[in-house]
Protein backbone atom coordinates (compact mmCIF):
# COMPACT_ATOMS: atom_id res chain seq x y z
CA MET A 1 -6.63 60.86 3.13
CA TRP A 2 -4.09 59.80 5.27
CA PRO A 3 -5.42 60.26 8.96
CA SER A 4 -8.11 57.77 7.64
CA LEU A 5 -5.05 55.43 6.63
CA LYS A 6 -3.48 55.54 10.41
CA LEU A 7 -6.97 54.72 12.08
CA CYS A 8 -7.49 51.70 9.93
CA SER A 9 -4.26 50.69 10.45
CA MET A 10 -4.24 51.16 14.49
CA VAL A 11 -7.24 49.06 14.43
CA VAL A 12 -6.04 46.35 12.58
CA VAL A 13 -3.07 46.25 14.78
CA LEU A 14 -5.17 46.89 18.65
CA GLY A 15 -7.21 43.79 16.74
CA ALA A 16 -4.41 41.45 16.30
CA ALA A 17 -3.30 42.00 19.79
CA THR A 18 -6.28 41.72 21.31
CA ALA A 19 -6.79 38.31 19.87
CA ASN A 20 -3.44 37.75 20.78
CA ALA A 21 -3.72 38.61 24.25
CA LEU A 22 -7.45 36.32 24.03
CA ARG A 23 -5.23 33.77 22.77
CA VAL A 24 -2.48 33.89 25.81
CA THR A 25 -5.34 34.30 28.41
CA LYS A 26 -6.77 30.61 27.49
CA ARG A 27 -3.49 29.47 27.07
CA ALA A 28 -2.96 30.52 30.50
CA ALA A 29 -6.72 29.19 31.61
CA ILE A 30 -6.25 25.45 29.90
CA ASP A 31 -3.05 25.20 31.22
CA ASP A 32 -5.06 25.42 34.78
CA CYS A 33 -8.05 23.76 34.68
CA LEU A 34 -5.89 20.79 33.21
CA SER A 35 -3.00 20.82 36.60
CA ALA A 36 -6.42 21.47 38.77
CA ALA A 37 -7.64 17.64 36.67
CA GLN A 38 -4.89 16.26 37.06
CA VAL A 39 -3.92 15.47 33.41
CA PRO A 40 -0.80 14.57 31.76
CA VAL A 41 0.24 17.01 29.48
CA ASP A 42 3.51 17.74 27.17
CA ALA A 43 5.46 20.69 28.85
CA PRO A 44 5.68 23.12 25.68
CA SER A 45 9.31 23.11 24.03
CA SER A 46 9.45 20.04 25.46
CA THR A 47 11.30 17.02 23.80
CA ASP A 48 7.87 15.25 23.99
CA TRP A 49 6.07 18.67 22.78
CA VAL A 50 8.61 18.54 19.50
CA ALA A 51 7.68 14.95 18.49
CA ASP A 52 3.24 15.45 19.86
CA VAL A 53 3.48 18.98 17.35
CA ARG A 54 5.51 17.82 14.68
CA ALA A 55 2.49 17.42 11.15
CA PHE A 56 2.97 14.48 9.36
CA ASN A 57 2.27 16.89 6.43
CA GLN A 58 4.87 19.50 6.58
CA ARG A 59 3.46 22.15 4.78
CA LEU A 60 0.86 22.14 7.17
CA GLN A 61 1.76 22.81 11.20
CA TYR A 62 0.30 24.30 13.70
CA THR A 63 0.57 25.39 17.41
CA PRO A 64 -2.05 24.26 19.73
CA ALA A 65 -3.19 25.89 23.21
CA ALA A 66 -2.21 22.25 25.11
CA ILE A 67 -1.20 19.12 23.97
CA ALA A 68 -3.09 16.75 26.82
CA VAL A 69 -1.47 13.20 26.89
CA PRO A 70 -3.79 10.57 28.24
CA THR A 71 -2.68 7.73 29.68
CA THR A 72 -7.02 6.86 31.38
CA VAL A 73 -10.24 7.87 30.05
CA GLU A 74 -10.99 9.76 32.65
CA HIS A 75 -8.29 12.24 31.68
CA ILE A 76 -9.90 12.06 28.29
CA ARG A 77 -12.83 13.15 30.38
CA ALA A 78 -11.24 15.83 32.04
CA ALA A 79 -9.38 17.24 29.27
CA VAL A 80 -12.62 17.43 27.31
CA SER A 81 -14.56 18.99 30.29
CA CYS A 82 -11.41 22.09 30.43
CA ALA A 83 -11.64 22.80 26.92
CA ALA A 84 -15.33 22.90 27.19
CA LYS A 85 -15.48 25.23 29.99
CA VAL A 86 -12.27 27.13 28.48
CA GLY A 87 -13.78 27.36 25.30
CA VAL A 88 -11.14 26.22 23.47
CA LYS A 89 -11.83 23.99 20.27
CA VAL A 90 -10.36 20.01 20.30
CA ASN A 91 -9.53 17.32 18.50
CA PRO A 92 -7.70 13.55 19.07
CA LYS A 93 -4.79 13.23 17.62
CA SER A 94 -4.06 9.16 16.69
CA GLY A 95 -1.15 8.49 14.79
CA GLY A 96 -1.32 12.15 13.12
CA HIS A 97 -1.51 11.49 9.64
CA SER A 98 -3.93 14.01 8.90
CA TYR A 99 -3.47 15.08 5.38
CA ALA A 100 -4.49 18.04 6.48
CA SER A 101 -3.28 18.38 10.40
CA PHE A 102 -6.55 17.46 11.72
CA GLY A 103 -5.11 15.90 14.50
CA LEU A 104 -3.54 19.30 15.16
CA GLY A 105 -7.00 21.12 14.78
CA GLY A 106 -5.87 22.07 11.12
CA GLU A 107 -5.56 25.67 12.83
CA ASP A 108 -3.58 27.34 15.71
CA GLY A 109 -4.81 27.58 18.82
CA HIS A 110 -6.71 23.99 20.04
CA LEU A 111 -6.15 21.33 23.08
CA VAL A 112 -5.08 19.25 21.08
CA VAL A 113 -5.21 15.22 23.05
CA GLN A 114 -2.25 13.15 21.79
CA LEU A 115 -3.64 9.61 22.07
CA ASP A 116 -0.68 7.75 20.96
CA ARG A 117 0.46 6.73 24.85
CA MET A 118 -2.79 4.64 24.86
CA ASN A 119 -1.70 1.87 22.83
CA ASN A 120 -2.98 -1.46 24.39
CA VAL A 121 -4.39 -4.19 22.04
CA THR A 122 -6.38 -7.08 23.67
CA LEU A 123 -7.71 -10.27 22.11
CA ASP A 124 -11.02 -11.83 23.61
CA ASN A 125 -9.92 -15.53 22.56
CA ALA A 126 -13.51 -16.94 24.08
CA THR A 127 -15.25 -14.17 21.49
CA GLN A 128 -12.58 -13.23 19.44
CA ILE A 129 -13.23 -9.19 20.06
CA ALA A 130 -9.97 -7.35 19.73
CA THR A 131 -10.18 -4.23 22.42
CA VAL A 132 -7.83 -1.09 20.79
CA GLN A 133 -7.07 1.74 22.30
CA PRO A 134 -7.09 5.00 19.88
CA GLY A 135 -3.40 5.46 19.93
CA ALA A 136 -2.69 1.92 18.98
CA ARG A 137 -0.68 2.35 15.29
CA LEU A 138 -2.25 -0.25 12.46
CA GLY A 139 0.86 -2.02 12.22
CA HIS A 140 0.80 -2.73 16.27
CA VAL A 141 -2.90 -3.53 16.64
CA ALA A 142 -2.17 -5.80 13.20
CA THR A 143 0.82 -7.50 15.16
CA LEU A 144 -0.68 -8.05 18.40
CA ILE A 145 -3.98 -10.02 17.04
CA TYR A 146 -2.20 -12.30 15.22
CA GLN A 147 0.51 -13.38 17.71
CA GLN A 148 -2.84 -13.63 20.78
CA GLY A 149 -4.90 -15.41 18.75
CA LYS A 150 -3.54 -15.66 15.00
CA ARG A 151 -6.94 -13.25 14.58
CA ALA A 152 -7.20 -10.37 11.63
CA PHE A 153 -9.77 -7.80 10.62
CA SER A 154 -9.56 -5.61 7.44
CA HIS A 155 -7.35 -2.42 7.33
CA GLY A 156 -4.83 -0.12 5.18
CA THR A 157 -1.29 -1.31 4.56
CA CYS A 158 0.44 1.48 6.22
CA PRO A 159 2.46 -0.16 9.73
CA GLY A 160 2.71 4.01 11.36
CA VAL A 161 -1.67 5.11 10.68
CA GLY A 162 -3.16 5.42 13.60
CA VAL A 163 -6.50 3.02 14.31
CA GLY A 164 -8.17 5.76 15.70
CA GLY A 165 -8.79 8.60 12.91
CA HIS A 166 -8.50 5.59 10.36
CA ALA A 167 -11.39 3.51 11.18
CA LEU A 168 -14.10 6.24 12.61
CA HIS A 169 -13.61 7.39 8.72
CA GLY A 170 -13.31 4.65 6.52
CA GLY A 171 -10.68 1.99 6.70
CA PHE A 172 -10.11 0.58 3.16
CA GLY A 173 -6.50 -1.35 2.24
CA PHE A 174 -5.83 -4.52 0.28
CA SER A 175 -8.41 -6.47 1.99
CA SER A 176 -11.16 -4.30 1.89
CA HIS A 177 -12.30 -5.60 -1.30
CA THR A 178 -12.71 -9.17 0.42
CA TYR A 179 -13.76 -8.18 4.21
CA GLY A 180 -14.35 -4.14 3.85
CA LEU A 181 -13.18 -1.09 5.60
CA ALA A 182 -12.22 -1.17 9.08
CA LEU A 183 -14.57 0.10 10.43
CA ASP A 184 -17.17 -2.23 9.29
CA TRP A 185 -15.55 -4.56 12.07
CA ILE A 186 -16.27 -2.14 14.74
CA VAL A 187 -18.97 -4.05 17.05
CA GLY A 188 -18.41 -1.13 20.05
CA ALA A 189 -16.48 1.64 21.28
CA THR A 190 -16.28 3.90 24.59
CA VAL A 191 -16.93 6.97 23.67
CA VAL A 192 -16.14 10.96 25.75
CA LEU A 193 -18.64 13.28 24.40
CA ALA A 194 -18.77 16.98 24.04
CA ASN A 195 -20.69 17.70 27.73
CA GLY A 196 -18.20 15.53 29.62
CA THR A 197 -19.57 12.24 29.48
CA VAL A 198 -18.75 8.53 28.38
CA VAL A 199 -20.70 6.36 26.82
CA GLU A 200 -20.98 2.99 24.86
CA THR A 201 -22.23 2.50 21.54
CA SER A 202 -22.89 -0.67 19.72
CA GLU A 203 -25.83 -1.62 17.81
CA THR A 204 -28.01 -1.32 20.56
CA GLN A 205 -26.72 1.28 22.85
CA ASN A 206 -26.59 4.79 21.50
CA LYS A 207 -26.90 3.23 17.85
CA ASP A 208 -27.19 6.74 16.48
CA LEU A 209 -24.03 7.88 17.84
CA PHE A 210 -22.51 4.29 16.71
CA TRP A 211 -24.71 5.28 13.29
CA ALA A 212 -22.50 8.59 13.22
CA LEU A 213 -18.80 6.68 14.63
CA LYS A 214 -18.49 4.93 12.02
CA GLY A 215 -18.28 7.38 9.23
CA ALA A 216 -17.40 10.74 10.32
CA GLY A 217 -16.46 9.84 14.05
CA SER A 218 -13.92 13.09 14.71
CA ASN A 219 -16.92 15.49 15.14
CA PHE A 220 -18.67 13.22 17.76
CA GLY A 221 -16.23 12.69 20.64
CA ILE A 222 -13.31 11.32 21.45
CA VAL A 223 -13.30 7.20 21.04
CA ALA A 224 -11.34 6.29 24.48
CA SER A 225 -11.51 2.26 23.27
CA PHE A 226 -12.74 0.23 20.31
CA ARG A 227 -14.82 -3.24 20.40
CA PHE A 228 -13.52 -4.98 16.34
CA LYS A 229 -14.66 -8.02 15.14
CA THR A 230 -11.91 -10.46 13.29
CA PHE A 231 -11.86 -13.28 11.25
CA PRO A 232 -8.66 -15.50 11.16
CA ALA A 233 -5.89 -14.40 10.11
CA PRO A 234 -5.54 -15.95 6.26
CA THR A 235 -2.51 -18.68 5.92
CA GLU A 236 -2.16 -18.23 2.07
CA LEU A 237 -1.83 -14.89 0.34
CA SER A 238 -0.48 -13.90 -2.79
CA THR A 239 0.88 -10.64 -3.62
CA TYR A 240 1.27 -9.00 -7.05
CA VAL A 241 2.72 -6.56 -9.86
CA VAL A 242 1.65 -6.32 -13.67
CA ASN A 243 3.62 -4.04 -15.37
CA LEU A 244 1.42 -2.15 -17.86
CA ARG A 245 3.24 -1.03 -21.25
CA TRP A 246 0.97 1.96 -21.24
CA THR A 247 3.70 4.46 -23.11
CA ASN A 248 1.79 7.41 -24.84
CA ALA A 249 -1.88 8.49 -24.06
CA SER A 250 -4.39 5.94 -26.41
CA ALA A 251 -2.48 2.95 -24.65
CA ILE A 252 -3.57 4.75 -21.08
CA ALA A 253 -7.23 5.45 -21.94
CA GLU A 254 -7.64 1.80 -23.48
CA GLY A 255 -6.08 0.10 -21.14
CA TRP A 256 -8.20 1.78 -18.14
CA ALA A 257 -11.66 1.30 -20.49
CA SER A 258 -10.71 -2.11 -20.25
CA LEU A 259 -10.19 -2.67 -16.83
CA GLN A 260 -12.76 -0.29 -15.57
CA ASP A 261 -15.89 -2.90 -17.37
CA TRP A 262 -13.48 -5.97 -16.44
CA LEU A 263 -14.18 -4.35 -12.49
CA LYS A 264 -17.70 -3.33 -13.82
CA THR A 265 -19.50 -6.88 -14.84
CA GLY A 266 -18.15 -8.47 -11.81
CA GLY A 267 -14.55 -10.23 -13.31
CA MET A 268 -12.94 -9.14 -10.36
CA PRO A 269 -13.58 -11.73 -7.69
CA ARG A 270 -13.96 -10.79 -4.15
CA GLU A 271 -10.99 -12.49 -3.09
CA MET A 272 -9.07 -9.98 -5.08
CA ASN A 273 -7.65 -6.41 -4.38
CA MET A 274 -5.97 -4.43 -7.05
CA ARG A 275 -4.61 -0.96 -7.38
CA LEU A 276 -3.68 0.76 -10.52
CA PHE A 277 -0.37 2.63 -9.68
CA GLY A 278 1.37 5.22 -11.81
CA ASN A 279 4.10 8.09 -11.24
CA GLY A 280 6.56 9.35 -13.89
CA PHE A 281 8.13 6.28 -15.02
CA GLN A 282 6.12 3.45 -14.45
CA THR A 283 2.49 2.17 -14.44
CA GLN A 284 1.51 -1.10 -12.46
CA LEU A 285 -1.27 -3.09 -11.29
CA GLN A 286 -0.46 -3.97 -7.71
CA GLY A 287 -2.61 -6.26 -5.73
CA MET A 288 -3.17 -8.84 -2.84
CA TYR A 289 -5.18 -11.90 -3.85
CA HIS A 290 -6.65 -14.13 -0.98
CA GLY A 291 -4.99 -17.32 -1.84
CA ASN A 292 -2.67 -19.13 -2.83
CA SER A 293 -0.42 -17.91 -6.40
CA SER A 294 -2.08 -20.87 -8.36
CA ALA A 295 -5.61 -19.80 -7.86
CA LEU A 296 -4.02 -15.77 -8.34
CA ARG A 297 -2.97 -17.07 -11.68
CA THR A 298 -5.92 -18.66 -12.60
CA ALA A 299 -8.55 -15.51 -11.66
CA ILE A 300 -6.06 -13.23 -13.01
CA GLN A 301 -5.56 -14.43 -16.51
CA PRO A 302 -8.82 -13.02 -17.80
CA LEU A 303 -7.74 -9.72 -16.94
CA LEU A 304 -3.71 -10.34 -18.32
CA THR A 305 -5.56 -11.14 -21.87
CA ARG A 306 -7.33 -7.98 -22.02
CA LEU A 307 -4.75 -6.53 -21.38
CA ASN A 308 -1.94 -7.77 -23.14
CA ALA A 309 0.26 -7.92 -20.21
CA THR A 310 1.90 -10.90 -17.28
CA LEU A 311 2.15 -10.89 -13.99
CA SER A 312 5.52 -9.41 -13.55
CA SER A 313 5.95 -10.72 -9.58
CA VAL A 314 3.83 -13.07 -7.56
CA GLU A 315 5.05 -13.50 -3.66
CA GLN A 316 2.98 -16.13 -1.30
CA ASP A 317 2.54 -15.82 2.27
CA ASP A 318 0.93 -15.93 5.08
CA TRP A 319 -1.13 -12.73 6.58
CA MET A 320 1.97 -10.90 8.43
CA GLY A 321 4.35 -11.22 5.88
CA ALA A 322 1.65 -10.14 2.94
CA PHE A 323 1.14 -6.78 5.03
CA ALA A 324 4.75 -6.70 5.06
CA HIS A 325 4.83 -6.76 1.84
CA TYR A 326 3.66 -3.43 1.07
CA ALA A 327 3.55 -1.18 4.31
CA TYR A 328 6.85 0.14 2.97
CA SER A 329 8.06 -0.10 6.29
CA GLN A 330 11.23 -1.82 7.97
CA GLN A 331 9.32 -1.75 11.11
CA ILE A 332 5.70 -3.31 11.60
CA ASP A 333 5.16 -3.09 15.23
CA ILE A 334 5.12 0.76 15.70
CA THR A 335 4.57 3.21 18.44
CA ARG A 336 6.05 5.69 19.89
CA PRO A 337 8.23 7.31 18.94
CA TYR A 338 7.64 7.82 15.64
CA SER A 339 8.84 11.20 12.67
CA ALA A 340 7.78 10.22 9.82
CA THR A 341 7.16 13.61 7.68
CA GLU A 342 6.71 14.81 4.18
CA THR A 343 5.72 17.98 1.98
CA PHE A 344 3.03 17.33 0.08
CA TYR A 345 -0.42 18.45 -1.56
CA SER A 346 -2.96 15.23 -1.84
CA LYS A 347 -6.65 14.66 -3.08
CA SER A 348 -9.44 12.17 -3.77
CA LEU A 349 -11.82 10.70 -5.90
CA VAL A 350 -14.56 7.93 -5.33
CA THR A 351 -16.60 7.70 -8.80
CA SER A 352 -18.59 5.45 -11.02
CA ALA A 353 -17.59 4.65 -14.37
CA LEU A 354 -15.80 6.88 -16.70
CA SER A 355 -17.00 7.45 -20.77
CA ASN A 356 -14.07 7.07 -22.99
CA SER A 357 -13.97 11.41 -23.58
CA THR A 358 -13.67 11.63 -20.30
CA LEU A 359 -9.97 8.83 -19.58
CA GLN A 360 -8.75 10.27 -23.47
CA SER A 361 -8.85 13.73 -21.84
CA ILE A 362 -7.61 12.11 -17.93
CA ALA A 363 -4.75 10.11 -20.55
CA ASN A 364 -3.48 13.20 -22.35
CA TYR A 365 -3.15 15.33 -18.99
CA TRP A 366 -0.96 12.30 -18.14
CA VAL A 367 1.33 12.12 -20.39
CA ASN A 368 1.48 15.66 -21.85
CA THR A 369 1.19 17.69 -18.13
CA ALA A 370 1.58 14.62 -15.46
CA ARG A 371 5.18 13.36 -16.62
CA ARG A 372 6.41 16.55 -17.00
CA ASN A 373 6.43 17.18 -13.45
CA SER A 374 9.38 16.10 -12.04
CA ARG A 375 7.83 16.29 -8.21
CA SER A 376 7.45 12.87 -6.82
CA TRP A 377 3.73 12.33 -7.61
CA TYR A 378 1.94 8.85 -7.90
CA LEU A 379 -2.01 8.49 -8.62
CA MET A 380 -3.25 5.36 -6.85
CA VAL A 381 -6.86 3.75 -8.20
CA ASP A 382 -8.15 0.93 -6.01
CA MET A 383 -10.65 -1.20 -7.74
CA TYR A 384 -13.26 0.06 -5.34
CA GLY A 385 -16.66 -1.13 -6.17
CA GLY A 386 -18.11 -3.40 -8.09
CA PRO A 387 -20.43 -6.72 -7.64
CA ASN A 388 -17.80 -8.68 -6.23
CA SER A 389 -16.95 -5.57 -3.45
CA ALA A 390 -17.78 -6.38 0.61
CA ILE A 391 -17.26 -3.23 0.75
CA THR A 392 -20.87 -2.43 -1.59
CA LYS A 393 -22.24 -5.42 0.05
CA VAL A 394 -22.94 -3.35 3.54
CA PRO A 395 -26.06 -1.47 3.41
CA ALA A 396 -26.10 1.94 2.27
CA ASP A 397 -27.28 3.18 5.31
CA ALA A 398 -26.07 0.81 8.22
CA THR A 399 -22.75 3.72 8.68
CA SER A 400 -22.66 6.78 8.05
CA PHE A 401 -20.03 6.50 4.81
CA ALA A 402 -20.94 7.54 1.93
CA TYR A 403 -19.69 5.46 -0.45
CA ARG A 404 -21.77 1.56 -1.07
CA ASP A 405 -23.51 1.49 -4.03
CA PRO A 406 -21.46 -1.31 -5.84
CA ASN A 407 -22.20 0.69 -9.91
CA THR A 408 -21.90 4.24 -8.55
CA HIS A 409 -19.32 3.91 -5.94
CA LEU A 410 -16.18 2.03 -8.63
CA PHE A 411 -13.35 3.48 -7.71
CA LEU A 412 -11.25 5.10 -5.05
CA TYR A 413 -8.37 7.66 -6.42
CA GLN A 414 -5.69 9.18 -4.35
CA PHE A 415 -3.95 11.68 -6.10
CA TYR A 416 -0.26 12.57 -4.28
CA ASP A 417 2.18 15.56 -5.06
CA ARG A 418 5.28 15.65 -3.03
CA THR A 419 8.46 17.62 -3.38
CA MET A 420 11.58 15.42 -1.03
CA ARG A 421 13.01 19.08 -0.31
CA GLY A 422 12.34 22.34 0.63
CA SER A 423 9.06 24.15 0.22
CA TYR A 424 5.75 22.98 -1.46
CA PRO A 425 5.45 25.27 -4.18
CA SER A 426 2.63 27.89 -4.26
CA ASP A 427 1.96 27.27 -8.11
CA GLY A 428 1.84 23.31 -8.07
CA PHE A 429 -1.24 22.84 -6.42
CA ALA A 430 -2.67 23.26 -9.96
CA PHE A 431 -1.43 20.25 -10.70
CA LEU A 432 -3.50 18.42 -9.15
CA ASP A 433 -6.56 20.56 -8.95
CA ASP A 434 -6.46 20.69 -12.63
CA TRP A 435 -6.12 16.62 -12.90
CA VAL A 436 -9.32 16.21 -10.94
CA LYS A 437 -11.83 18.58 -12.88
CA LEU A 438 -10.56 15.87 -15.64
CA PHE A 439 -11.99 12.98 -13.69
CA THR A 440 -15.70 15.04 -12.75
CA ALA A 441 -16.56 17.34 -15.70
CA GLY A 442 -18.83 14.29 -17.04
CA LEU A 443 -19.94 13.59 -13.92
CA ASP A 444 -23.32 15.00 -12.32
CA THR A 445 -22.69 14.92 -8.36
CA THR A 446 -24.04 11.83 -7.45
CA GLN A 447 -21.85 10.10 -9.22
CA TRP A 448 -18.63 11.79 -7.42
CA GLY A 449 -17.28 12.04 -3.93
CA MET A 450 -14.38 12.51 -1.98
CA TYR A 451 -12.38 10.37 0.97
CA ILE A 452 -11.46 12.57 4.13
CA ASN A 453 -8.62 9.94 4.72
CA TYR A 454 -7.07 11.52 2.28
CA ALA A 455 -8.02 14.75 2.88
CA ASP A 456 -8.11 17.50 1.17
CA PRO A 457 -7.67 21.22 3.50
CA ARG A 458 -8.78 23.64 0.52
CA LEU A 459 -11.70 22.53 0.14
CA ASN A 460 -14.31 25.41 1.96
CA GLN A 461 -16.59 23.74 4.89
CA THR A 462 -19.48 22.94 2.56
CA ALA A 463 -17.58 21.77 -0.61
CA ALA A 464 -16.11 19.71 2.28
CA GLN A 465 -18.96 18.58 4.23
CA GLU A 466 -20.72 17.48 0.66
CA ALA A 467 -18.02 16.06 -0.87
CA TYR A 468 -16.92 13.57 2.16
CA TYR A 469 -20.68 12.78 3.43
CA GLY A 470 -22.97 13.28 0.23
CA GLN A 471 -26.44 12.18 1.44
CA ASN A 472 -25.40 11.03 4.34
CA LEU A 473 -24.61 14.60 6.03
CA ALA A 474 -28.15 16.01 6.67
CA ARG A 475 -28.34 13.09 9.39
CA LEU A 476 -25.41 13.77 10.68
CA ARG A 477 -25.89 17.75 11.37
CA GLN A 478 -28.88 16.16 12.96
CA LEU A 479 -26.90 14.29 15.22
CA LYS A 480 -23.95 16.86 15.49
CA LYS A 481 -26.89 19.47 16.85
CA GLN A 482 -27.71 16.70 19.52
CA PHE A 483 -24.51 16.04 20.54
CA ASP A 484 -22.06 18.72 20.17
CA PRO A 485 -23.99 21.98 19.26
CA ALA A 486 -21.17 24.06 20.58
CA GLU A 487 -19.11 22.37 17.60
CA LEU A 488 -16.28 22.11 21.06
CA PHE A 489 -14.80 19.17 18.46
CA TYR A 490 -14.20 21.08 15.29
CA TYR A 491 -11.61 21.66 12.70
CA PRO A 492 -11.72 23.72 9.36
CA GLN A 493 -14.46 20.81 7.66
CA ALA A 494 -15.60 19.61 10.59
CA VAL A 495 -19.88 18.22 10.58
CA GLU A 496 -21.59 22.19 11.68
CA PRO A 497 -24.93 21.21 13.56
CA ALA A 498 -28.10 21.60 11.68
CA LYS A 499 -29.48 25.43 11.64
CA ALA A 500 -33.25 23.93 13.08
């Protein structure tokens, strides 16, 4: 017995040693290739390396084989070619806000292409098209487009989030019910493919690739430049809060059912953007109305009557003022350096309307379990769909983004549980996992999905692909086979190439 055990131990040790030696060899090879190609890199352990390897989610930290820091399209192309030559997986990192640290590869040993040195934003005042480099952050993009021509496009609220991952996988925010997702404003992109070629994509150039980029972009290449159409930045927007007296489970279930019916039947006008926000000590409706405060009060009154509630606060502002209202940051025009981090576990859902019994189960959990959780958790439920949503006005087959049905795709949820000090507890995951199961218990698989911009790294690859891409997965897998059959652009939840 003992010799057998010793032999097994030796195999494990030798296997680990071989794997480590292979990693060292590949690290040396990628370093040599990048150096020969004159691609700028972070020196290991340098100040830049430490900054660029820092994960937004401190729970998920990984060590790359190398970090390339391109400033040109040619640098990106050469970095991708080196990764393919050496046999190292490669991932673009724009803002670095991936909840699952996919910009760092989602595992050790990848080539990270850190894009934040490429953050130029230029508005063509003749065409009103904004050309945006992939490492620009949303606050920087919004600021420069506004400064250059009082223009805008629809995107999220956090100024530190990178435009690359945000726009390629959706891009939801407090203008989305009115103007759609960020990806709906992309009209073209310059892309570096796995074979090292640089191509242009649009509705008329490389149309299949363009379709795939708008919803699943990180699987198919590195976007070196975006082209966004824009709209005139509104001069009057109204932010608002409604404090809800949902003190017990019955009040939560009844109030949510009323809110759901209002959204589902078209009570929420296109100009209104709204989310339900709840944590351990308050429940609110928060939102942004695209119009003045007087118009807001008229539009929201039928809902207030339903909920027996009143407006708690209203502030009227211009586009940039309204953006700053929900930025939760003193700085809006954020570039490099950037060091925001948290330690958390997050999940997402997109669902149809929920039954009264499901709402009651959710409410019971909220009161009896969630409110007893001492960590800094929150739940955000965005009023996503309905008959007046700009998101669901886009044809379902227009982009690879999966959730366009005005009736089926009613709510977008973000579940977020964080610890303010120390590591995330190993027994903490069940808190959100168990809650999410209550939301989907009464739904079939066509009535719910998940949003990759709030990625859950605990899903296996098969479950993640199905949840994120739904009915579009089969076509995406065929296109992955066409554009990246060797899975150079890989992370643990990446789209797999079709087998046949």
